[in-house]
Amino acid sequence: MADFVLYHTVGCHLCDIAQSIIDPIMSEFDHQCHLVDIAEDVNLLEEYGWLIPVFKHKGAIDYLKWPFSDVDVKEYIANVR
């Protein structure tokens, strides 16, 4: 089981859409996706503030920034190392 993160913030409608794309895929592949609110961490806010929603494997350098589709998420999962 791999761990992924969805960087988001409360009230972000694009983040809600991203989560609705990601959640079924996480179930399909038996992975977990943790929600991290960037507003709670100054460093995350600086890094991802203009990019959210951002989907990332916890151990990866690369990530998906919005916009992304279910196909993009599945491809990212398949290629994460």
PDB file of N, CA and C in Angstrom:
ATOM      1  N   MET A   1       0.849  -1.183   0.000  1.00  0.00           N
ATOM      2  CA  MET A   1       0.000   0.000   0.000  1.00  0.00           C
ATOM      3  C   MET A   1       0.889   1.238   0.000  1.00  0.00           C
ATOM      4  N   ALA A   2       0.681   2.112  -0.942  1.00  0.00           N
ATOM      5  CA  ALA A   2       1.466   3.336  -1.048  1.00  0.00           C
ATOM      6  C   ALA A   2       0.723   4.492  -0.407  1.00  0.00           C
ATOM      7  N   ASP A   3       1.488   5.440   0.085  1.00  0.00           N
ATOM      8  CA  ASP A   3       0.903   6.628   0.693  1.00  0.00           C
ATOM      9  C   ASP A   3       1.053   7.828  -0.228  1.00  0.00           C
ATOM     10  N   PHE A   4      -0.055   8.507  -0.417  1.00  0.00           N
ATOM     11  CA  PHE A   4      -0.088   9.701  -1.239  1.00  0.00           C
ATOM     12  C   PHE A   4      -0.654  10.846  -0.408  1.00  0.00           C
ATOM     13  N   VAL A   5      -0.425  12.059  -0.899  1.00  0.00           N
ATOM     14  CA  VAL A   5      -0.898  13.262  -0.225  1.00  0.00           C
ATOM     15  C   VAL A   5      -1.644  14.120  -1.239  1.00  0.00           C
ATOM     16  N   LEU A   6      -2.739  14.686  -0.792  1.00  0.00           N
ATOM     17  CA  LEU A   6      -3.413  15.722  -1.569  1.00  0.00           C
ATOM     18  C   LEU A   6      -3.269  17.018  -0.787  1.00  0.00           C
ATOM     19  N   TYR A   7      -2.438  17.903  -1.311  1.00  0.00           N
ATOM     20  CA  TYR A   7      -2.288  19.229  -0.705  1.00  0.00           C
ATOM     21  C   TYR A   7      -3.472  20.067  -1.160  1.00  0.00           C
ATOM     22  N   HIS A   8      -4.155  20.654  -0.203  1.00  0.00           N
ATOM     23  CA  HIS A   8      -5.393  21.380  -0.464  1.00  0.00           C
ATOM     24  C   HIS A   8      -5.540  22.488   0.574  1.00  0.00           C
ATOM     25  N   THR A   9      -6.680  23.151   0.546  1.00  0.00           N
ATOM     26  CA  THR A   9      -7.071  24.044   1.622  1.00  0.00           C
ATOM     27  C   THR A   9      -8.592  24.101   1.669  1.00  0.00           C
ATOM     28  N   VAL A  10      -9.098  24.448   2.816  1.00  0.00           N
ATOM     29  CA  VAL A  10     -10.549  24.521   3.025  1.00  0.00           C
ATOM     30  C   VAL A  10     -11.146  25.598   2.124  1.00  0.00           C
ATOM     31  N   GLY A  11     -12.262  25.269   1.497  1.00  0.00           N
ATOM     32  CA  GLY A  11     -12.967  26.223   0.652  1.00  0.00           C
ATOM     33  C   GLY A  11     -12.484  26.265  -0.788  1.00  0.00           C
ATOM     34  N   CYS A  12     -11.549  25.412  -1.136  1.00  0.00           N
ATOM     35  CA  CYS A  12     -11.016  25.349  -2.500  1.00  0.00           C
ATOM     36  C   CYS A  12     -11.878  24.378  -3.305  1.00  0.00           C
ATOM     37  N   HIS A  13     -12.703  24.890  -4.197  1.00  0.00           N
ATOM     38  CA  HIS A  13     -13.596  24.015  -4.960  1.00  0.00           C
ATOM     39  C   HIS A  13     -12.819  23.100  -5.912  1.00  0.00           C
ATOM     40  N   LEU A  14     -11.690  23.550  -6.410  1.00  0.00           N
ATOM     41  CA  LEU A  14     -10.870  22.681  -7.260  1.00  0.00           C
ATOM     42  C   LEU A  14     -10.294  21.522  -6.454  1.00  0.00           C
ATOM     43  N   CYS A  15      -9.981  21.784  -5.199  1.00  0.00           N
ATOM     44  CA  CYS A  15      -9.483  20.725  -4.311  1.00  0.00           C
ATOM     45  C   CYS A  15     -10.560  19.677  -4.075  1.00  0.00           C
ATOM     46  N   ASP A  16     -11.795  20.127  -3.936  1.00  0.00           N
ATOM     47  CA  ASP A  16     -12.916  19.192  -3.768  1.00  0.00           C
ATOM     48  C   ASP A  16     -13.086  18.319  -5.008  1.00  0.00           C
ATOM     49  N   ILE A  17     -12.941  18.923  -6.178  1.00  0.00           N
ATOM     50  CA  ILE A  17     -13.043  18.164  -7.423  1.00  0.00           C
ATOM     51  C   ILE A  17     -11.898  17.150  -7.502  1.00  0.00           C
ATOM     52  N   ALA A  18     -10.696  17.597  -7.166  1.00  0.00           N
ATOM     53  CA  ALA A  18      -9.533  16.700  -7.200  1.00  0.00           C
ATOM     54  C   ALA A  18      -9.739  15.514  -6.265  1.00  0.00           C
ATOM     55  N   GLN A  19     -10.250  15.784  -5.084  1.00  0.00           N
ATOM     56  CA  GLN A  19     -10.484  14.692  -4.133  1.00  0.00           C
ATOM     57  C   GLN A  19     -11.512  13.708  -4.674  1.00  0.00           C
ATOM     58  N   SER A  20     -12.523  14.210  -5.367  1.00  0.00           N
ATOM     59  CA  SER A  20     -13.542  13.307  -5.937  1.00  0.00           C
ATOM     60  C   SER A  20     -12.968  12.447  -7.069  1.00  0.00           C
ATOM     61  N   ILE A  21     -11.917  12.912  -7.708  1.00  0.00           N
ATOM     62  CA  ILE A  21     -11.223  12.122  -8.726  1.00  0.00           C
ATOM     63  C   ILE A  21     -10.321  11.085  -8.064  1.00  0.00           C
ATOM     64  N   ILE A  22      -9.607  11.504  -7.031  1.00  0.00           N
ATOM     65  CA  ILE A  22      -8.580  10.679  -6.394  1.00  0.00           C
ATOM     66  C   ILE A  22      -9.173   9.562  -5.532  1.00  0.00           C
ATOM     67  N   ASP A  23     -10.192   9.855  -4.758  1.00  0.00           N
ATOM     68  CA  ASP A  23     -10.717   8.873  -3.796  1.00  0.00           C
ATOM     69  C   ASP A  23     -11.073   7.514  -4.411  1.00  0.00           C
ATOM     70  N   PRO A  24     -11.818   7.470  -5.513  1.00  0.00           N
ATOM     71  CA  PRO A  24     -12.137   6.159  -6.092  1.00  0.00           C
ATOM     72  C   PRO A  24     -10.894   5.412  -6.594  1.00  0.00           C
ATOM     73  N   ILE A  25      -9.914   6.147  -7.084  1.00  0.00           N
ATOM     74  CA  ILE A  25      -8.687   5.522  -7.574  1.00  0.00           C
ATOM     75  C   ILE A  25      -7.892   4.944  -6.409  1.00  0.00           C
ATOM     76  N   MET A  26      -7.867   5.630  -5.302  1.00  0.00           N
ATOM     77  CA  MET A  26      -7.160   5.126  -4.125  1.00  0.00           C
ATOM     78  C   MET A  26      -7.774   3.803  -3.673  1.00  0.00           C
ATOM     79  N   SER A  27      -9.086   3.729  -3.694  1.00  0.00           N
ATOM     80  CA  SER A  27      -9.769   2.483  -3.328  1.00  0.00           C
ATOM     81  C   SER A  27      -9.463   1.374  -4.321  1.00  0.00           C
ATOM     82  N   GLU A  28      -9.479   1.733  -5.593  1.00  0.00           N
ATOM     83  CA  GLU A  28      -9.227   0.753  -6.655  1.00  0.00           C
ATOM     84  C   GLU A  28      -7.839   0.124  -6.520  1.00  0.00           C
ATOM     85  N   PHE A  29      -6.845   0.925  -6.168  1.00  0.00           N
ATOM     86  CA  PHE A  29      -5.472   0.447  -6.094  1.00  0.00           C
ATOM     87  C   PHE A  29      -5.024   0.122  -4.666  1.00  0.00           C
ATOM     88  N   ASP A  30      -5.946   0.186  -3.720  1.00  0.00           N
ATOM     89  CA  ASP A  30      -5.653  -0.095  -2.315  1.00  0.00           C
ATOM     90  C   ASP A  30      -4.530   0.785  -1.767  1.00  0.00           C
ATOM     91  N   HIS A  31      -4.616   2.072  -2.070  1.00  0.00           N
ATOM     92  CA  HIS A  31      -3.670   3.061  -1.567  1.00  0.00           C
ATOM     93  C   HIS A  31      -4.398   3.989  -0.607  1.00  0.00           C
ATOM     94  N   GLN A  32      -3.624   4.770   0.110  1.00  0.00           N
ATOM     95  CA  GLN A  32      -4.194   5.790   0.985  1.00  0.00           C
ATOM     96  C   GLN A  32      -3.755   7.163   0.499  1.00  0.00           C
ATOM     97  N   CYS A  33      -4.661   8.112   0.618  1.00  0.00           N
ATOM     98  CA  CYS A  33      -4.341   9.500   0.296  1.00  0.00           C
ATOM     99  C   CYS A  33      -4.683  10.345   1.509  1.00  0.00           C
ATOM    100  N   HIS A  34      -3.679  11.009   2.038  1.00  0.00           N
ATOM    101  CA  HIS A  34      -3.851  11.860   3.205  1.00  0.00           C
ATOM    102  C   HIS A  34      -4.071  13.297   2.740  1.00  0.00           C
ATOM    103  N   LEU A  35      -4.989  13.965   3.374  1.00  0.00           N
ATOM    104  CA  LEU A  35      -5.244  15.366   3.063  1.00  0.00           C
ATOM    105  C   LEU A  35      -4.356  16.230   3.941  1.00  0.00           C
ATOM    106  N   VAL A  36      -3.676  17.185   3.330  1.00  0.00           N
ATOM    107  CA  VAL A  36      -2.825  18.112   4.067  1.00  0.00           C
ATOM    108  C   VAL A  36      -3.242  19.524   3.668  1.00  0.00           C
ATOM    109  N   ASP A  37      -3.711  20.282   4.653  1.00  0.00           N
ATOM    110  CA  ASP A  37      -4.140  21.657   4.418  1.00  0.00           C
ATOM    111  C   ASP A  37      -2.911  22.557   4.451  1.00  0.00           C
ATOM    112  N   ILE A  38      -2.578  23.154   3.305  1.00  0.00           N
ATOM    113  CA  ILE A  38      -1.378  23.977   3.220  1.00  0.00           C
ATOM    114  C   ILE A  38      -1.471  25.238   4.073  1.00  0.00           C
ATOM    115  N   ALA A  39      -2.686  25.654   4.440  1.00  0.00           N
ATOM    116  CA  ALA A  39      -2.857  26.854   5.250  1.00  0.00           C
ATOM    117  C   ALA A  39      -2.325  26.671   6.667  1.00  0.00           C
ATOM    118  N   GLU A  40      -2.083  25.415   7.058  1.00  0.00           N
ATOM    119  CA  GLU A  40      -1.607  25.135   8.411  1.00  0.00           C
ATOM    120  C   GLU A  40      -0.083  25.098   8.506  1.00  0.00           C
ATOM    121  N   ASP A  41       0.609  25.315   7.393  1.00  0.00           N
ATOM    122  CA  ASP A  41       2.068  25.252   7.385  1.00  0.00           C
ATOM    123  C   ASP A  41       2.603  26.311   6.426  1.00  0.00           C
ATOM    124  N   VAL A  42       3.347  27.268   6.951  1.00  0.00           N
ATOM    125  CA  VAL A  42       3.857  28.382   6.151  1.00  0.00           C
ATOM    126  C   VAL A  42       4.710  27.887   4.982  1.00  0.00           C
ATOM    127  N   ASN A  43       5.530  26.867   5.215  1.00  0.00           N
ATOM    128  CA  ASN A  43       6.392  26.345   4.146  1.00  0.00           C
ATOM    129  C   ASN A  43       5.577  25.729   3.017  1.00  0.00           C
ATOM    130  N   LEU A  44       4.551  24.962   3.380  1.00  0.00           N
ATOM    131  CA  LEU A  44       3.685  24.373   2.359  1.00  0.00           C
ATOM    132  C   LEU A  44       2.905  25.447   1.615  1.00  0.00           C
ATOM    133  N   LEU A  45       2.482  26.455   2.331  1.00  0.00           N
ATOM    134  CA  LEU A  45       1.752  27.558   1.707  1.00  0.00           C
ATOM    135  C   LEU A  45       2.624  28.259   0.670  1.00  0.00           C
ATOM    136  N   GLU A  46       3.886  28.478   1.003  1.00  0.00           N
ATOM    137  CA  GLU A  46       4.806  29.103   0.057  1.00  0.00           C
ATOM    138  C   GLU A  46       5.088  28.201  -1.140  1.00  0.00           C
ATOM    139  N   GLU A  47       5.231  26.888  -0.889  1.00  0.00           N
ATOM    140  CA  GLU A  47       5.585  25.954  -1.958  1.00  0.00           C
ATOM    141  C   GLU A  47       4.420  25.655  -2.901  1.00  0.00           C
ATOM    142  N   TYR A  48       3.214  25.464  -2.345  1.00  0.00           N
ATOM    143  CA  TYR A  48       2.088  25.005  -3.144  1.00  0.00           C
ATOM    144  C   TYR A  48       0.930  25.998  -3.253  1.00  0.00           C
ATOM    145  N   GLY A  49       1.073  27.160  -2.668  1.00  0.00           N
ATOM    146  CA  GLY A  49      -0.025  28.121  -2.585  1.00  0.00           C
ATOM    147  C   GLY A  49      -0.756  28.398  -3.880  1.00  0.00           C
ATOM    148  N   TRP A  50      -0.024  28.553  -4.970  1.00  0.00           N
ATOM    149  CA  TRP A  50      -0.646  28.872  -6.256  1.00  0.00           C
ATOM    150  C   TRP A  50      -0.874  27.633  -7.118  1.00  0.00           C
ATOM    151  N   LEU A  51      -0.476  26.472  -6.613  1.00  0.00           N
ATOM    152  CA  LEU A  51      -0.556  25.254  -7.421  1.00  0.00           C
ATOM    153  C   LEU A  51      -1.686  24.316  -7.021  1.00  0.00           C
ATOM    154  N   ILE A  52      -2.237  24.464  -5.822  1.00  0.00           N
ATOM    155  CA  ILE A  52      -3.205  23.489  -5.320  1.00  0.00           C
ATOM    156  C   ILE A  52      -4.432  23.414  -6.216  1.00  0.00           C
ATOM    157  N   PRO A  53      -5.004  22.221  -6.244  1.00  0.00           N
ATOM    158  CA  PRO A  53      -4.641  21.015  -5.539  1.00  0.00           C
ATOM    159  C   PRO A  53      -3.410  20.340  -6.145  1.00  0.00           C
ATOM    160  N   VAL A  54      -2.611  19.732  -5.278  1.00  0.00           N
ATOM    161  CA  VAL A  54      -1.402  19.022  -5.687  1.00  0.00           C
ATOM    162  C   VAL A  54      -1.488  17.600  -5.134  1.00  0.00           C
ATOM    163  N   PHE A  55      -1.282  16.625  -6.006  1.00  0.00           N
ATOM    164  CA  PHE A  55      -1.299  15.211  -5.641  1.00  0.00           C
ATOM    165  C   PHE A  55       0.123  14.695  -5.726  1.00  0.00           C
ATOM    166  N   LYS A  56       0.589  14.047  -4.642  1.00  0.00           N
ATOM    167  CA  LYS A  56       1.989  13.644  -4.584  1.00  0.00           C
ATOM    168  C   LYS A  56       2.148  12.361  -3.786  1.00  0.00           C
ATOM    169  N   HIS A  57       3.059  11.508  -4.254  1.00  0.00           N
ATOM    170  CA  HIS A  57       3.480  10.357  -3.458  1.00  0.00           C
ATOM    171  C   HIS A  57       4.440  10.886  -2.402  1.00  0.00           C
ATOM    172  N   LYS A  58       4.308  10.401  -1.173  1.00  0.00           N
ATOM    173  CA  LYS A  58       5.112  10.932  -0.073  1.00  0.00           C
ATOM    174  C   LYS A  58       6.613  10.861  -0.319  1.00  0.00           C
ATOM    175  N   GLY A  59       7.082   9.858  -1.049  1.00  0.00           N
ATOM    176  CA  GLY A  59       8.513   9.715  -1.268  1.00  0.00           C
ATOM    177  C   GLY A  59       9.018  10.291  -2.579  1.00  0.00           C
ATOM    178  N   ALA A  60       8.149  10.861  -3.378  1.00  0.00           N
ATOM    179  CA  ALA A  60       8.521  11.321  -4.720  1.00  0.00           C
ATOM    180  C   ALA A  60       8.906  12.797  -4.740  1.00  0.00           C
ATOM    181  N   ILE A  61       9.678  13.146  -5.732  1.00  0.00           N
ATOM    182  CA  ILE A  61      10.024  14.551  -5.960  1.00  0.00           C
ATOM    183  C   ILE A  61       8.974  15.200  -6.852  1.00  0.00           C
ATOM    184  N   ASP A  62       8.533  14.476  -7.868  1.00  0.00           N
ATOM    185  CA  ASP A  62       7.550  15.019  -8.797  1.00  0.00           C
ATOM    186  C   ASP A  62       6.136  14.889  -8.235  1.00  0.00           C
ATOM    187  N   TYR A  63       5.220  15.646  -8.802  1.00  0.00           N
ATOM    188  CA  TYR A  63       3.839  15.674  -8.336  1.00  0.00           C
ATOM    189  C   TYR A  63       2.927  16.100  -9.463  1.00  0.00           C
ATOM    190  N   LEU A  64       1.636  15.939  -9.226  1.00  0.00           N
ATOM    191  CA  LEU A  64       0.625  16.438 -10.168  1.00  0.00           C
ATOM    192  C   LEU A  64       0.029  17.714  -9.609  1.00  0.00           C
ATOM    193  N   LYS A  65       0.028  18.747 -10.406  1.00  0.00           N
ATOM    194  CA  LYS A  65      -0.684  19.961 -10.009  1.00  0.00           C
ATOM    195  C   LYS A  65      -1.916  20.096 -10.894  1.00  0.00           C
ATOM    196  N   TRP A  66      -2.878  20.830 -10.415  1.00  0.00           N
ATOM    197  CA  TRP A  66      -4.134  21.018 -11.120  1.00  0.00           C
ATOM    198  C   TRP A  66      -3.892  21.755 -12.409  1.00  0.00           C
ATOM    199  N   PRO A  67      -4.557  21.415 -13.492  1.00  0.00           N
ATOM    200  CA  PRO A  67      -5.624  20.424 -13.617  1.00  0.00           C
ATOM    201  C   PRO A  67      -5.069  19.024 -13.916  1.00  0.00           C
ATOM    202  N   PHE A  68      -5.750  18.018 -13.374  1.00  0.00           N
ATOM    203  CA  PHE A  68      -5.433  16.633 -13.700  1.00  0.00           C
ATOM    204  C   PHE A  68      -6.710  15.818 -13.731  1.00  0.00           C
ATOM    205  N   SER A  69      -6.631  14.705 -14.457  1.00  0.00           N
ATOM    206  CA  SER A  69      -7.792  13.828 -14.642  1.00  0.00           C
ATOM    207  C   SER A  69      -7.531  12.496 -13.952  1.00  0.00           C
ATOM    208  N   ASP A  70      -8.513  11.618 -13.989  1.00  0.00           N
ATOM    209  CA  ASP A  70      -8.324  10.282 -13.440  1.00  0.00           C
ATOM    210  C   ASP A  70      -7.232   9.527 -14.190  1.00  0.00           C
ATOM    211  N   VAL A  71      -7.130   9.753 -15.498  1.00  0.00           N
ATOM    212  CA  VAL A  71      -6.082   9.120 -16.292  1.00  0.00           C
ATOM    213  C   VAL A  71      -4.710   9.604 -15.829  1.00  0.00           C
ATOM    214  N   ASP A  72      -4.582  10.901 -15.571  1.00  0.00           N
ATOM    215  CA  ASP A  72      -3.317  11.460 -15.086  1.00  0.00           C
ATOM    216  C   ASP A  72      -2.931  10.862 -13.735  1.00  0.00           C
ATOM    217  N   VAL A  73      -3.899  10.726 -12.847  1.00  0.00           N
ATOM    218  CA  VAL A  73      -3.641  10.171 -11.520  1.00  0.00           C
ATOM    219  C   VAL A  73      -3.186   8.715 -11.630  1.00  0.00           C
ATOM    220  N   LYS A  74      -3.870   7.934 -12.438  1.00  0.00           N
ATOM    221  CA  LYS A  74      -3.484   6.527 -12.614  1.00  0.00           C
ATOM    222  C   LYS A  74      -2.089   6.405 -13.224  1.00  0.00           C
ATOM    223  N   GLU A  75      -1.782   7.249 -14.182  1.00  0.00           N
ATOM    224  CA  GLU A  75      -0.456   7.233 -14.800  1.00  0.00           C
ATOM    225  C   GLU A  75       0.613   7.629 -13.780  1.00  0.00           C
ATOM    226  N   TYR A  76       0.331   8.635 -12.986  1.00  0.00           N
ATOM    227  CA  TYR A  76       1.272   9.060 -11.955  1.00  0.00           C
ATOM    228  C   TYR A  76       1.532   7.918 -10.969  1.00  0.00           C
ATOM    229  N   ILE A  77       0.489   7.258 -10.517  1.00  0.00           N
ATOM    230  CA  ILE A  77       0.620   6.133  -9.580  1.00  0.00           C
ATOM    231  C   ILE A  77       1.464   5.026 -10.196  1.00  0.00           C
ATOM    232  N   ALA A  78       1.215   4.733 -11.462  1.00  0.00           N
ATOM    233  CA  ALA A  78       1.942   3.656 -12.140  1.00  0.00           C
ATOM    234  C   ALA A  78       3.432   3.976 -12.286  1.00  0.00           C
ATOM    235  N   ASN A  79       3.764   5.246 -12.377  1.00  0.00           N
ATOM    236  CA  ASN A  79       5.160   5.643 -12.624  1.00  0.00           C
ATOM    237  C   ASN A  79       5.912   6.118 -11.391  1.00  0.00           C
ATOM    238  N   VAL A  80       5.239   6.188 -10.263  1.00  0.00           N
ATOM    239  CA  VAL A  80       5.909   6.680  -9.054  1.00  0.00           C
ATOM    240  C   VAL A  80       6.916   5.640  -8.574  1.00  0.00           C
ATOM    241  N   ARG A  81       8.035   6.114  -8.130  1.00  0.00           N
ATOM    242  CA  ARG A  81       9.099   5.230  -7.651  1.00  0.00           C
ATOM    243  C   ARG A  81       9.496   5.615  -6.256  1.00  0.00           C
TER     244      ARG A  81
END
